[in-house]
């Protein structure tokens, strides 16, 4: 596909490894049983403009209530929305300011915490708190600069535990964890570029050091549009590998939606108005378990034959779009439409619906040639008809501005309308924050660490692993204290040897403390043991729980000479290469390999 006209922006949300943003609770995720649960119903408030946000209204219209789980240590009255928030976490704010400086952004003189109306149950108050820290920054990629529009600090949402048609259950231990949000401009112009930008921003954030790691601690939202299309926000991408797919498939979806718009107009199709008709009796004896035991509503779509089956992305059709709206807004399982159901007597039944059933529906709804129809089952079928008709009417405008969910296969599904400015209003429980003076930020980026380690003689692969690991500070300490040791040896011993002991020898490495490793490095440095013996010493520590350097103590020159002479004497007819192998086997770790070979040559020549 030609990516001309593609525009994409990223919003990256990174959890910080501090206490919560507006209370003293721990931000560690708990696996304990909840201390108690409580029920709440949320409603949307008017924003600063005096209007209620359209996305919040859509959530309210679902009519759900919410069950919240409360836990010791990680929740207090702030999470329950039973007391005002405390002062902002100064450590978290400092980290956000550090991030802003690393992104070359202009830091605000004052910070006004705002309330963002969110009534999907992911908080207990009906809003999320967010604050602008800085704007107008940039990052430099090898190919071009990417603008950083804003750097914000905000509250993490509660964690979804279970979804039911009538209610959702949330875990409050995650609510209020500080997030730094980095929002780029719409400068990304290809699917491949989006991953490069996300990796670069993630690298900068991890370089700060006080960020959480692991699945769910960093999320990417995408804003995507193509020429003639509309900005669509894709929420909740957690894996870098999916970012390119999400952008590519969304671009395809918008391209085909624009084509669909033109085709509808060219065929003279009119926008439908809801006209639900009860067709329950037609399925009284049906083989479809879904339809046989439920109330069924049908509706004719004049002139729309073939349109519902149009593929927007591979495996995802316009009918899937309609079903997505019906699921989210009405809570039904989905819809059935004429473009996917059997169209001849020879065709196999689908979902238990036969060609005979299709013919009966066509006749009852007066579906003519060139028309389509859809049916939907369940108590909310009437509401689902309204949602389907709404989505079809939006097709006449092209690409609707909306928020979509990132799916694991790289596709997206409808979540809610695109929110607007009406959802924002000032937080009244906290004063405006004067931004503290922050001097020069001295943080070594992970990319710079990799270059430094590689230049010291370590391979790029190991340098990359070491730069991203917690062992880097110990590596720096050892190489500074013992500069005569080879950096590659130090890196391998710290990073790779414990992994090999665990994976190959199946031993626990908990006894390999930094204190033990330093004693091993010191012994190698002082030539008490050889560096070849370091691994064997580590293995013994894991097996016996204590350090025994005496066992691997280097032989003196006289002791080595005597040991080699004995090996030669005991194997007088053995070839030279065989003697080398035998000597290495018996003297491994007790002398440098080169010294063993030199001694063998000298003795054989005598």
Protein backbone atom coordinates (compact mmCIF):
# COMPACT_ATOMS: atom_id res chain seq x y z
CA UNK A 1 0.00 0.00 0.00
CA UNK A 2 1.17 3.54 -0.75
CA UNK A 3 1.63 5.24 2.65
CA UNK A 4 1.31 8.73 1.15
CA UNK A 5 -0.91 10.77 3.44
CA UNK A 6 -0.48 8.44 6.44
CA UNK A 7 -0.07 10.32 9.71
CA UNK A 8 0.53 8.69 13.05
CA UNK A 9 1.22 9.95 16.55
CA UNK A 10 2.14 7.97 19.65
CA UNK A 11 1.07 8.34 23.27
CA UNK A 12 3.27 6.30 25.58
CA UNK A 13 2.16 5.74 29.19
CA UNK A 14 4.92 4.54 31.53
CA UNK A 15 4.28 3.54 35.16
CA UNK A 16 6.75 5.00 37.66
CA UNK A 17 8.32 2.93 40.43
CA UNK A 18 7.32 5.17 43.33
CA UNK A 19 4.45 5.41 45.77
CA UNK A 20 1.09 6.42 44.36
CA UNK A 21 0.56 9.88 42.87
CA UNK A 22 -1.83 11.40 45.42
CA UNK A 23 -1.43 9.25 48.55
CA UNK A 24 1.19 7.26 50.47
CA UNK A 25 0.00 3.82 49.33
CA UNK A 26 2.39 1.32 47.78
CA UNK A 27 2.32 0.98 44.01
CA UNK A 28 3.21 -2.73 44.14
CA UNK A 29 0.59 -4.91 42.53
CA UNK A 30 -0.97 -7.32 45.01
CA UNK A 31 -1.96 -10.94 44.46
CA UNK A 32 -3.78 -11.14 47.83
CA UNK A 33 -7.51 -11.56 48.31
CA UNK A 34 -9.37 -8.25 48.50
CA UNK A 35 -9.99 -6.84 51.98
CA UNK A 36 -13.49 -5.88 50.91
CA UNK A 37 -15.56 -4.98 47.86
CA UNK A 38 -18.06 -2.24 47.22
CA UNK A 39 -20.47 -1.18 44.48
CA UNK A 40 -20.71 2.14 42.70
CA UNK A 41 -22.59 3.77 39.83
CA UNK A 42 -20.82 6.58 37.95
CA UNK A 43 -22.27 9.48 36.02
CA UNK A 44 -20.62 12.05 33.79
CA UNK A 45 -20.26 15.67 34.91
CA UNK A 46 -20.20 18.70 32.65
CA UNK A 47 -16.70 19.84 31.77
CA UNK A 48 -15.19 23.32 31.77
CA UNK A 49 -17.16 24.17 28.62
CA UNK A 50 -20.45 23.43 30.39
CA UNK A 51 -21.14 20.41 28.18
CA UNK A 52 -21.01 16.69 28.93
CA UNK A 53 -18.44 14.79 26.90
CA UNK A 54 -19.90 12.58 24.15
CA UNK A 55 -17.67 9.61 25.03
CA UNK A 56 -18.75 9.79 28.69
CA UNK A 57 -22.40 9.92 27.66
CA UNK A 58 -21.89 6.79 25.55
CA UNK A 59 -20.46 4.98 28.59
CA UNK A 60 -23.34 6.11 30.83
CA UNK A 61 -25.91 4.87 28.33
CA UNK A 62 -24.64 1.31 28.82
CA UNK A 63 -26.32 1.41 32.24
CA UNK A 64 -23.61 -0.59 34.01
CA UNK A 65 -22.62 -0.55 37.67
CA UNK A 66 -19.18 -1.37 39.04
CA UNK A 67 -17.73 -3.60 41.77
CA UNK A 68 -14.40 -2.50 43.27
CA UNK A 69 -11.90 -4.67 45.15
CA UNK A 70 -9.93 -2.98 47.93
CA UNK A 71 -6.58 -4.30 49.21
CA UNK A 72 -4.34 -3.60 52.24
CA UNK A 73 -1.19 -1.48 51.63
CA UNK A 74 -2.24 -0.49 48.10
CA UNK A 75 -5.55 1.27 48.73
CA UNK A 76 -6.82 3.90 51.14
CA UNK A 77 -9.69 6.37 51.31
CA UNK A 78 -8.21 8.30 48.36
CA UNK A 79 -8.66 5.33 46.00
CA UNK A 80 -12.17 4.86 47.40
CA UNK A 81 -12.90 8.55 46.65
CA UNK A 82 -13.89 8.95 50.29
CA UNK A 83 -11.35 11.67 51.12
CA UNK A 84 -9.60 14.42 49.11
CA UNK A 85 -6.33 13.68 47.39
CA UNK A 86 -3.07 14.45 49.20
CA UNK A 87 -0.23 16.58 47.83
CA UNK A 88 1.27 15.35 44.57
CA UNK A 89 4.08 12.80 44.92
CA UNK A 90 7.23 14.98 44.70
CA UNK A 91 9.43 12.07 43.59
CA UNK A 92 7.07 11.19 40.73
CA UNK A 93 6.88 14.84 39.68
CA UNK A 94 10.68 15.10 39.69
CA UNK A 95 10.91 12.02 37.44
CA UNK A 96 8.38 13.57 35.03
CA UNK A 97 10.48 16.76 34.92
CA UNK A 98 13.61 14.69 34.27
CA UNK A 99 11.79 12.99 31.39
CA UNK A 100 10.71 16.36 30.00
CA UNK A 101 14.31 17.57 30.01
CA UNK A 102 15.51 14.41 28.25
CA UNK A 103 12.86 15.04 25.58
CA UNK A 104 14.08 18.64 25.17
CA UNK A 105 10.66 19.96 26.18
CA UNK A 106 9.79 23.36 27.65
CA UNK A 107 8.77 22.85 31.28
CA UNK A 108 5.75 24.76 32.58
CA UNK A 109 6.25 27.29 35.35
CA UNK A 110 3.11 26.11 37.12
CA UNK A 111 1.18 22.85 37.03
CA UNK A 112 -2.62 22.75 37.17
CA UNK A 113 -3.98 19.29 37.93
CA UNK A 114 -7.07 18.64 35.79
CA UNK A 115 -9.94 16.19 36.00
CA UNK A 116 -10.62 14.19 32.84
CA UNK A 117 -14.15 12.74 32.86
CA UNK A 118 -13.99 8.93 32.55
CA UNK A 119 -17.03 6.88 33.58
CA UNK A 120 -16.13 3.45 32.21
CA UNK A 121 -15.53 2.17 35.75
CA UNK A 122 -11.72 2.38 35.62
CA UNK A 123 -11.80 4.83 38.54
CA UNK A 124 -14.09 5.35 41.51
CA UNK A 125 -14.60 9.12 41.13
CA UNK A 126 -15.81 9.43 37.54
CA UNK A 127 -12.62 11.17 36.42
CA UNK A 128 -8.88 10.66 35.96
CA UNK A 129 -6.41 13.27 37.21
CA UNK A 130 -3.80 14.52 34.76
CA UNK A 131 -1.40 17.46 34.63
CA UNK A 132 0.66 19.04 31.85
CA UNK A 133 4.35 19.18 32.82
CA UNK A 134 6.01 20.29 29.58
CA UNK A 135 5.49 20.69 25.83
CA UNK A 136 7.23 21.42 22.52
CA UNK A 137 10.04 18.88 22.80
CA UNK A 138 11.62 16.55 20.25
CA UNK A 139 13.65 13.40 19.75
CA UNK A 140 16.15 12.83 16.96
CA UNK A 141 16.02 9.60 14.95
CA UNK A 142 18.66 8.78 12.33
CA UNK A 143 16.18 9.71 9.58
CA UNK A 144 14.39 12.74 11.08
CA UNK A 145 13.20 14.55 14.18
CA UNK A 146 9.92 13.61 15.88
CA UNK A 147 8.12 16.31 17.84
CA UNK A 148 7.06 15.70 21.44
CA UNK A 149 3.87 17.72 21.87
CA UNK A 150 3.33 17.15 25.58
CA UNK A 151 4.79 15.48 28.66
CA UNK A 152 2.13 14.84 31.32
CA UNK A 153 1.88 13.12 34.68
CA UNK A 154 -1.34 11.31 35.52
CA UNK A 155 -3.03 8.56 37.50
CA UNK A 156 -3.08 4.96 36.33
CA UNK A 157 -6.53 3.39 36.00
CA UNK A 158 -7.91 0.50 38.05
CA UNK A 159 -7.28 -2.98 36.66
CA UNK A 160 -10.17 -4.83 35.05
CA UNK A 161 -10.83 -8.21 36.70
CA UNK A 162 -14.09 -9.33 35.08
CA UNK A 163 -16.67 -7.99 32.63
CA UNK A 164 -20.35 -8.92 32.75
CA UNK A 165 -23.29 -7.54 30.74
CA UNK A 166 -24.67 -5.70 33.79
CA UNK A 167 -21.46 -4.80 35.66
CA UNK A 168 -17.65 -4.81 35.64
CA UNK A 169 -15.24 -5.75 38.46
CA UNK A 170 -12.06 -3.70 39.05
CA UNK A 171 -8.94 -4.16 41.22
CA UNK A 172 -8.07 -0.84 42.93
CA UNK A 173 -4.42 -1.72 43.72
CA UNK A 174 -3.37 -0.24 40.35
CA UNK A 175 -5.50 2.91 40.61
CA UNK A 176 -3.35 5.99 41.27
CA UNK A 177 0.05 4.62 40.26
CA UNK A 178 1.93 7.56 38.70
CA UNK A 179 2.16 7.54 34.91
CA UNK A 180 4.33 9.68 32.67
CA UNK A 181 2.58 10.25 29.34
CA UNK A 182 4.69 11.19 26.32
CA UNK A 183 2.68 12.35 23.29
CA UNK A 184 4.36 12.82 19.90
CA UNK A 185 3.14 14.95 17.04
CA UNK A 186 1.60 13.28 13.94
CA UNK A 187 5.08 12.96 12.40
CA UNK A 188 5.23 9.19 11.88
CA UNK A 189 4.56 8.34 8.23
CA UNK A 190 4.99 4.56 7.93
CA UNK A 191 4.25 1.40 9.97
CA UNK A 192 7.96 0.62 10.30
CA UNK A 193 8.70 4.06 11.72
CA UNK A 194 6.21 3.75 14.58
CA UNK A 195 8.19 0.96 16.26
CA UNK A 196 11.46 2.90 15.98
CA UNK A 197 9.87 5.90 17.69
CA UNK A 198 8.32 3.76 20.45
CA UNK A 199 11.63 1.97 21.09
CA UNK A 200 13.51 5.27 21.29
CA UNK A 201 11.03 6.84 23.73
CA UNK A 202 10.97 3.65 25.82
CA UNK A 203 14.78 3.63 25.92
CA UNK A 204 14.86 7.22 27.23
CA UNK A 205 12.25 6.47 29.91
CA UNK A 206 14.07 3.31 31.08
CA UNK A 207 17.31 5.30 31.26
CA UNK A 208 15.82 7.36 34.10
CA UNK A 209 15.77 4.21 36.21
CA UNK A 210 12.67 4.81 38.35
CA UNK A 211 10.16 3.16 36.01
CA UNK A 212 8.36 -0.13 36.44
CA UNK A 213 9.19 -3.05 34.16
CA UNK A 214 7.11 -5.98 32.93
CA UNK A 215 3.89 -6.61 31.03
CA UNK A 216 1.30 -3.92 31.59
CA UNK A 217 3.71 -1.30 32.97
CA UNK A 218 4.02 0.53 29.65
CA UNK A 219 1.27 1.00 27.06
CA UNK A 220 1.15 2.66 23.69
CA UNK A 221 -1.85 4.47 22.22
CA UNK A 222 -1.82 5.32 18.52
CA UNK A 223 -3.49 8.16 16.64
CA UNK A 224 -3.81 7.23 12.96
CA UNK A 225 -5.25 8.93 9.88
CA UNK A 226 -4.77 8.81 6.12
CA UNK A 227 -5.45 11.42 3.45
CA UNK A 228 -9.20 12.01 3.38
CA UNK A 229 -9.69 10.04 6.59
CA UNK A 230 -10.10 11.03 10.23
CA UNK A 231 -7.95 10.73 13.34
CA UNK A 232 -8.73 7.43 15.07
CA UNK A 233 -7.24 6.62 18.47
CA UNK A 234 -6.16 3.02 19.12
CA UNK A 235 -5.90 2.25 22.84
CA UNK A 236 -3.87 -0.24 24.80
CA UNK A 237 -1.13 -1.66 22.55
CA UNK A 238 1.30 -3.40 24.93
CA UNK A 239 3.64 -5.19 22.53
CA UNK A 240 6.08 -3.32 20.30
CA UNK A 241 5.81 -5.99 17.60
CA UNK A 242 2.12 -5.15 17.09
CA UNK A 243 2.52 -1.40 16.56
CA UNK A 244 3.36 -1.61 12.86
CA UNK A 245 0.52 -4.08 12.24
CA UNK A 246 -1.98 -1.85 14.02
CA UNK A 247 -1.01 1.18 11.95
CA UNK A 248 -1.00 -0.78 8.70
CA UNK A 249 -4.38 -2.41 9.30
CA UNK A 250 -5.95 0.84 10.46
CA UNK A 251 -4.68 2.58 7.31
CA UNK A 252 -6.22 -0.22 5.22
CA UNK A 253 -9.48 0.05 7.15
CA UNK A 254 -9.71 3.80 6.58
CA UNK A 255 -8.83 3.43 2.89
CA UNK A 256 -11.64 0.91 2.33
CA UNK A 257 -14.10 2.95 4.41
CA UNK A 258 -13.45 5.92 2.11
CA UNK A 259 -14.08 3.66 -0.90
CA UNK A 260 -17.26 2.38 0.76
CA UNK A 261 -18.48 5.96 1.18
CA UNK A 262 -18.08 6.62 -2.54
CA UNK A 263 -19.70 3.31 -3.52
CA UNK A 264 -22.76 4.00 -1.33
CA UNK A 265 -23.24 7.37 -2.94
CA UNK A 266 -22.65 6.01 -6.44
CA UNK A 267 -25.33 3.35 -5.94
CA UNK A 268 -27.77 5.88 -4.52
CA UNK A 269 -28.20 4.11 -1.20
CA UNK A 270 -30.07 6.14 1.39
CA UNK A 271 -29.19 6.43 5.06
CA UNK A 272 -31.33 3.97 7.04
CA UNK A 273 -33.50 4.84 10.00
CA UNK A 274 -34.18 2.22 12.67
CA UNK A 275 -37.13 0.03 11.70
CA UNK A 276 -36.93 -3.09 13.89
CA UNK A 277 -39.35 -5.93 13.14
CA UNK A 278 -39.91 -8.91 15.40
CA UNK A 279 -39.00 -12.13 13.55
CA UNK A 280 -38.83 -14.42 16.60
CA UNK A 281 -41.56 -16.75 15.27
CA UNK A 282 -39.52 -17.52 12.14
CA UNK A 283 -36.91 -19.31 14.25
CA UNK A 284 -39.19 -21.27 16.58
CA UNK A 285 -38.04 -24.56 15.04
CA UNK A 286 -34.63 -23.41 13.87
CA UNK A 287 -31.44 -25.42 14.28
CA UNK A 288 -29.75 -22.27 15.57
CA UNK A 289 -29.53 -22.50 19.37
CA UNK A 290 -28.76 -18.79 19.55
CA UNK A 291 -31.97 -17.75 17.78
CA UNK A 292 -34.31 -20.58 18.77
CA UNK A 293 -34.47 -19.58 22.44
CA UNK A 294 -34.36 -15.78 22.21
CA UNK A 295 -36.32 -12.84 20.94
CA UNK A 296 -35.08 -11.98 17.44
CA UNK A 297 -35.30 -8.62 15.69
CA UNK A 298 -34.68 -8.13 11.97
CA UNK A 299 -34.34 -5.13 9.70
CA UNK A 300 -34.20 -4.64 5.93
CA UNK A 301 -31.40 -2.47 4.51
CA UNK A 302 -32.53 -1.12 1.15
CA UNK A 303 -29.92 -1.25 -1.63
CA UNK A 304 -27.16 -2.59 0.61
CA UNK A 305 -26.69 -6.12 -0.77
CA UNK A 306 -22.95 -6.87 -0.84
CA UNK A 307 -21.91 -3.89 1.26
CA UNK A 308 -21.92 -5.69 4.60
CA UNK A 309 -19.51 -8.30 3.25
CA UNK A 310 -16.91 -5.77 2.01
CA UNK A 311 -13.52 -6.58 3.50
CA UNK A 312 -11.92 -3.60 5.26
CA UNK A 313 -8.84 -5.51 6.39
CA UNK A 314 -8.07 -9.23 5.90
CA UNK A 315 -10.75 -11.20 7.73
CA UNK A 316 -12.54 -8.06 8.96
CA UNK A 317 -15.63 -6.90 7.06
CA UNK A 318 -18.01 -3.96 7.24
CA UNK A 319 -20.47 -6.31 8.94
CA UNK A 320 -17.84 -6.77 11.68
CA UNK A 321 -17.86 -2.98 12.17
CA UNK A 322 -21.63 -3.02 12.64
CA UNK A 323 -21.41 -5.92 15.09
CA UNK A 324 -18.74 -4.03 17.05
CA UNK A 325 -21.04 -1.08 17.62
CA UNK A 326 -23.89 -3.41 18.64
CA UNK A 327 -21.69 -5.23 21.15
CA UNK A 328 -20.33 -2.11 22.83
CA UNK A 329 -23.48 0.03 22.85
CA UNK A 330 -26.16 -2.64 23.36
CA UNK A 331 -24.24 -5.49 24.99
CA UNK A 332 -25.36 -8.14 22.47
CA UNK A 333 -23.08 -10.93 21.30
CA UNK A 334 -23.18 -9.80 17.67
CA UNK A 335 -25.37 -9.69 14.58
CA UNK A 336 -26.08 -11.96 11.58
CA UNK A 337 -26.37 -10.39 8.13
CA UNK A 338 -27.40 -11.54 4.69
CA UNK A 339 -23.94 -11.19 3.10
CA UNK A 340 -22.58 -13.96 5.36
CA UNK A 341 -25.60 -16.30 5.54
CA UNK A 342 -26.38 -19.16 3.09
CA UNK A 343 -27.43 -17.81 -0.31
CA UNK A 344 -28.47 -21.10 -1.98
CA UNK A 345 -29.95 -24.50 -1.11
CA UNK A 346 -26.54 -26.10 -1.64
CA UNK A 347 -24.83 -23.79 0.88
CA UNK A 348 -24.05 -25.18 4.33
CA UNK A 349 -25.90 -23.70 7.31
CA UNK A 350 -24.02 -21.00 9.20
CA UNK A 351 -24.47 -20.53 12.95
CA UNK A 352 -27.28 -23.09 12.56
CA UNK A 353 -29.12 -20.76 10.14
CA UNK A 354 -30.21 -22.51 6.93
CA UNK A 355 -31.05 -21.19 3.47
CA UNK A 356 -34.70 -21.91 4.29
CA UNK A 357 -34.42 -19.61 7.36
CA UNK A 358 -32.85 -16.90 5.18
CA UNK A 359 -35.65 -17.15 2.63
CA UNK A 360 -38.28 -16.88 5.38
CA UNK A 361 -36.65 -13.71 6.74
CA UNK A 362 -36.36 -12.20 3.26
CA UNK A 363 -40.05 -12.79 2.60
CA UNK A 364 -41.24 -11.49 5.98
CA UNK A 365 -39.08 -8.32 5.84
CA UNK A 366 -39.91 -7.77 2.15
CA UNK A 367 -36.20 -7.88 1.19
CA UNK A 368 -35.96 -7.27 -2.58
CA UNK A 369 -33.13 -7.97 -4.97
CA UNK A 370 -30.26 -5.64 -4.16
CA UNK A 371 -31.36 -5.29 -0.53
CA UNK A 372 -29.65 -6.68 2.55
CA UNK A 373 -30.89 -7.51 6.04
CA UNK A 374 -29.54 -8.23 9.48
CA UNK A 375 -30.95 -10.00 12.54
CA UNK A 376 -30.00 -9.74 16.20
CA UNK A 377 -31.13 -11.68 19.26
CA UNK A 378 -31.57 -10.94 22.94
CA UNK A 379 -33.30 -8.47 25.28
CA UNK A 380 -31.22 -5.55 23.95
CA UNK A 381 -31.89 -6.35 20.27
CA UNK A 382 -33.85 -3.13 19.75
CA UNK A 383 -30.98 -1.03 21.07
CA UNK A 384 -28.58 -3.01 18.87
CA UNK A 385 -30.67 -2.06 15.79
CA UNK A 386 -30.23 1.62 16.70
CA UNK A 387 -26.45 1.13 16.98
CA UNK A 388 -26.19 -0.69 13.65
CA UNK A 389 -28.18 2.01 11.87
CA UNK A 390 -26.04 4.71 13.46
CA UNK A 391 -22.86 3.03 12.21
CA UNK A 392 -24.27 2.64 8.70
CA UNK A 393 -25.19 6.34 8.61
CA UNK A 394 -21.61 7.19 9.66
CA UNK A 395 -20.37 5.21 6.64
CA UNK A 396 -21.81 7.92 4.39
CA UNK A 397 -19.33 10.36 5.98
CA UNK A 398 -16.27 8.13 5.51
CA UNK A 399 -14.17 7.40 8.59
CA UNK A 400 -15.82 8.20 11.94
CA UNK A 401 -13.65 9.79 14.65
CA UNK A 402 -13.62 7.16 17.38
CA UNK A 403 -11.56 5.30 19.95
CA UNK A 404 -10.75 1.67 19.14
CA UNK A 405 -9.19 -1.16 21.13
CA UNK A 406 -5.94 -2.82 20.03
CA UNK A 407 -6.49 -6.58 19.60
CA UNK A 408 -3.80 -9.25 19.90
CA UNK A 409 -3.96 -10.08 16.17
CA UNK A 410 -3.21 -6.49 15.09
CA UNK A 411 -6.84 -5.64 14.31
CA UNK A 412 -8.93 -3.12 16.24
CA UNK A 413 -12.47 -3.01 17.56
CA UNK A 414 -14.79 -0.14 18.43
CA UNK A 415 -14.70 1.19 22.01
CA UNK A 416 -16.41 4.60 22.13
CA UNK A 417 -16.77 7.93 20.31
CA UNK A 418 -13.75 10.23 20.26
CA UNK A 419 -13.81 12.37 23.43
CA UNK A 420 -13.44 16.13 23.22
CA UNK A 421 -12.57 19.17 25.33
CA UNK A 422 -15.83 18.91 27.26
CA UNK A 423 -14.38 16.15 29.45
CA UNK A 424 -11.75 18.40 31.12
CA UNK A 425 -12.15 20.66 34.16
CA UNK A 426 -9.77 21.80 36.96
CA UNK A 427 -9.06 19.71 40.04
CA UNK A 428 -10.44 21.59 43.08
CA UNK A 429 -8.85 19.52 45.87
CA UNK A 430 -5.25 20.61 45.25
CA UNK A 431 -3.55 23.96 44.74
CA UNK A 432 -1.68 24.99 41.61
CA UNK A 433 1.84 23.54 41.85
CA UNK A 434 4.89 25.75 41.45
CA UNK A 435 7.42 23.74 39.44
CA UNK A 436 10.64 23.28 41.44
CA UNK A 437 13.96 24.36 39.96
CA UNK A 438 15.76 21.38 38.47
CA UNK A 439 19.37 21.75 37.45
CA UNK A 440 21.24 19.92 34.72
CA UNK A 441 20.03 16.35 34.30
CA UNK A 442 22.97 13.94 34.34
CA UNK A 443 21.47 10.72 33.08
CA UNK A 444 23.38 8.38 30.79
CA UNK A 445 21.01 7.07 28.13
CA UNK A 446 20.92 3.31 27.60
CA UNK A 447 22.03 3.88 23.99
CA UNK A 448 25.12 5.73 25.26
CA UNK A 449 25.79 2.98 27.82
CA UNK A 450 25.80 0.38 25.05
CA UNK A 451 28.35 2.38 23.05
CA UNK A 452 30.57 2.90 26.12
CA UNK A 453 30.54 -0.79 27.09
CA UNK A 454 31.12 -1.92 23.50
CA UNK A 455 34.08 0.44 23.15
CA UNK A 456 35.62 -1.15 26.26
CA UNK A 457 35.96 -4.49 24.45
CA UNK A 458 32.60 -6.16 25.11
CA UNK A 459 30.58 -7.61 22.22
CA UNK A 460 27.55 -5.58 21.09
CA UNK A 461 25.08 -8.27 22.12
CA UNK A 462 26.43 -8.58 25.66
CA UNK A 463 26.87 -4.79 25.89
CA UNK A 464 23.19 -4.32 25.00
CA UNK A 465 22.04 -6.85 27.59
CA UNK A 466 24.32 -5.40 30.25
CA UNK A 467 23.24 -1.80 29.60
CA UNK A 468 19.60 -2.76 30.14
CA UNK A 469 20.25 -4.87 33.24
CA UNK A 470 20.54 -4.16 36.95
CA UNK A 471 24.08 -5.62 36.89
CA UNK A 472 25.56 -2.62 35.05
CA UNK A 473 26.47 -0.71 38.20
CA UNK A 474 28.36 -3.75 39.56
CA UNK A 475 30.15 -4.14 36.21
CA UNK A 476 31.23 -0.50 36.37
CA UNK A 477 32.40 -0.94 39.98
CA UNK A 478 34.53 -4.02 39.21
CA UNK A 479 36.09 -2.65 36.01
CA UNK A 480 37.01 0.59 37.79
CA UNK A 481 38.48 -1.19 40.82
CA UNK A 482 40.34 -3.83 38.79
CA UNK A 483 41.25 -2.12 35.48
CA UNK A 484 43.73 -4.91 34.59
CA UNK A 485 40.89 -7.42 34.19
CA UNK A 486 39.47 -7.80 30.69
CA UNK A 487 36.08 -6.09 30.50
CA UNK A 488 34.70 -8.89 28.30
CA UNK A 489 35.62 -11.44 31.01
CA UNK A 490 33.98 -9.34 33.73
CA UNK A 491 30.81 -8.86 31.68
CA UNK A 492 30.51 -12.54 30.82
CA UNK A 493 31.11 -13.61 34.43
CA UNK A 494 28.50 -11.22 35.83
CA UNK A 495 25.84 -11.59 33.14
CA UNK A 496 26.17 -14.92 31.34
CA UNK A 497 27.82 -17.35 33.76
CA UNK A 498 24.92 -17.37 36.28
CA UNK A 499 22.46 -17.97 33.43
CA UNK A 500 24.54 -20.89 32.15
CA UNK A 501 24.76 -22.41 35.63
CA UNK A 502 20.98 -22.25 35.95
CA UNK A 503 20.08 -23.42 32.43
CA UNK A 504 22.79 -26.02 31.73
CA UNK A 505 23.67 -27.30 35.19
CA UNK A 506 20.20 -26.76 36.71
CA UNK A 507 21.65 -25.17 39.87
CA UNK A 508 20.28 -22.31 41.96
CA UNK A 509 22.48 -19.19 41.87
CA UNK A 510 21.14 -17.36 44.92
CA UNK A 511 24.51 -17.81 46.70
CA UNK A 512 26.33 -15.89 43.96
CA UNK A 513 26.12 -12.51 45.68
CA UNK A 514 28.06 -9.50 44.46
CA UNK A 515 30.29 -9.94 47.51
CA UNK A 516 31.23 -13.48 46.43
CA UNK A 517 31.77 -12.40 42.81
CA UNK A 518 34.05 -9.56 43.91
CA UNK A 519 36.20 -12.02 45.87
CA UNK A 520 36.48 -14.16 42.72
CA UNK A 521 37.46 -11.13 40.60
CA UNK A 522 39.98 -10.08 43.25
CA UNK A 523 41.52 -13.58 43.22
CA UNK A 524 41.83 -13.51 39.41
CA UNK A 525 43.32 -10.01 39.55
CA UNK A 526 45.89 -11.06 42.20
CA UNK A 527 46.69 -14.24 40.21
CA UNK A 528 45.54 -16.49 43.02
CA UNK A 529 43.28 -18.30 40.57
CA UNK A 530 43.12 -18.19 36.77
CA UNK A 531 40.22 -16.54 34.98
CA UNK A 532 39.51 -19.99 33.46
CA UNK A 533 38.79 -21.23 36.99
CA UNK A 534 36.26 -18.51 37.78
CA UNK A 535 33.32 -20.45 36.33
CA UNK A 536 34.23 -23.63 38.25
CA UNK A 537 34.55 -21.64 41.48
CA UNK A 538 31.07 -20.20 40.87
CA UNK A 539 29.66 -23.70 40.26
CA UNK A 540 31.13 -24.92 43.56
CA UNK A 541 29.61 -21.95 45.40
CA UNK A 542 26.20 -22.88 43.98
CA UNK A 543 26.65 -26.53 44.97
CA UNK A 544 28.25 -26.12 48.40
CA UNK A 545 27.05 -22.69 49.48
CA UNK A 546 30.55 -21.42 50.25
CA UNK A 547 33.61 -20.03 48.47
CA UNK A 548 36.68 -22.30 48.17
CA UNK A 549 39.52 -20.58 46.34
CA UNK A 550 42.18 -22.95 47.68
CA UNK A 551 40.87 -25.77 45.49
CA UNK A 552 41.63 -23.77 42.35
CA UNK A 553 44.75 -21.98 43.51
CA UNK A 554 47.23 -21.42 40.69
CA UNK A 555 50.30 -23.68 40.64
CA UNK A 556 53.69 -22.09 40.98
CA UNK A 557 56.06 -22.48 38.01
CA UNK A 558 57.88 -25.28 39.83
CA UNK A 559 54.61 -27.07 40.70
CA UNK A 560 53.38 -26.74 37.11
CA UNK A 561 56.67 -28.12 35.74
CA UNK A 562 56.47 -31.11 38.07
CA UNK A 563 52.81 -31.83 37.23
CA UNK A 564 53.44 -31.69 33.46
CA UNK A 565 56.50 -33.97 33.74
CA UNK A 566 54.38 -36.55 35.56
CA UNK A 567 51.70 -36.44 32.84
CA UNK A 568 54.34 -36.95 30.10
CA UNK A 569 55.98 -39.74 32.10
CA UNK A 570 52.68 -41.53 32.69
CA UNK A 571 51.79 -41.39 28.95
CA UNK A 572 55.07 -41.84 27.04
CA UNK A 573 53.47 -42.92 23.74
CA UNK A 574 50.64 -40.35 23.69
CA UNK A 575 50.70 -37.84 20.75
CA UNK A 576 51.39 -34.21 21.60
CA UNK A 577 47.78 -33.11 21.03
CA UNK A 578 46.62 -35.92 23.27
CA UNK A 579 48.98 -34.76 26.00
CA UNK A 580 47.59 -31.24 25.70
CA UNK A 581 44.06 -32.56 26.23
CA UNK A 582 45.16 -34.72 29.17
CA UNK A 583 47.07 -31.85 30.81
CA UNK A 584 44.18 -29.45 30.34
CA UNK A 585 41.81 -31.98 31.90
CA UNK A 586 43.98 -32.54 34.99
CA UNK A 587 45.22 -28.99 35.47
CA UNK A 588 42.14 -27.05 34.42
CA UNK A 589 41.83 -23.90 36.49
CA UNK A 590 45.21 -24.41 38.16
CA UNK A 591 47.29 -22.80 35.43
CA UNK A 592 46.78 -20.65 32.35
CA UNK A 593 46.30 -22.72 29.21
CA UNK A 594 49.21 -21.06 27.42
CA UNK A 595 51.60 -21.86 30.28
CA UNK A 596 50.51 -25.52 30.25
CA UNK A 597 51.17 -25.86 26.49
CA UNK A 598 54.54 -24.06 26.77
CA UNK A 599 55.60 -26.40 29.59
CA UNK A 600 54.62 -29.48 27.52
CA UNK A 601 56.67 -28.30 24.55
CA UNK A 602 59.69 -27.62 26.68
CA UNK A 603 59.57 -31.01 28.44
CA UNK A 604 59.00 -32.98 25.19
CA UNK A 605 62.06 -31.34 23.67
CA UNK A 606 64.34 -32.24 26.59
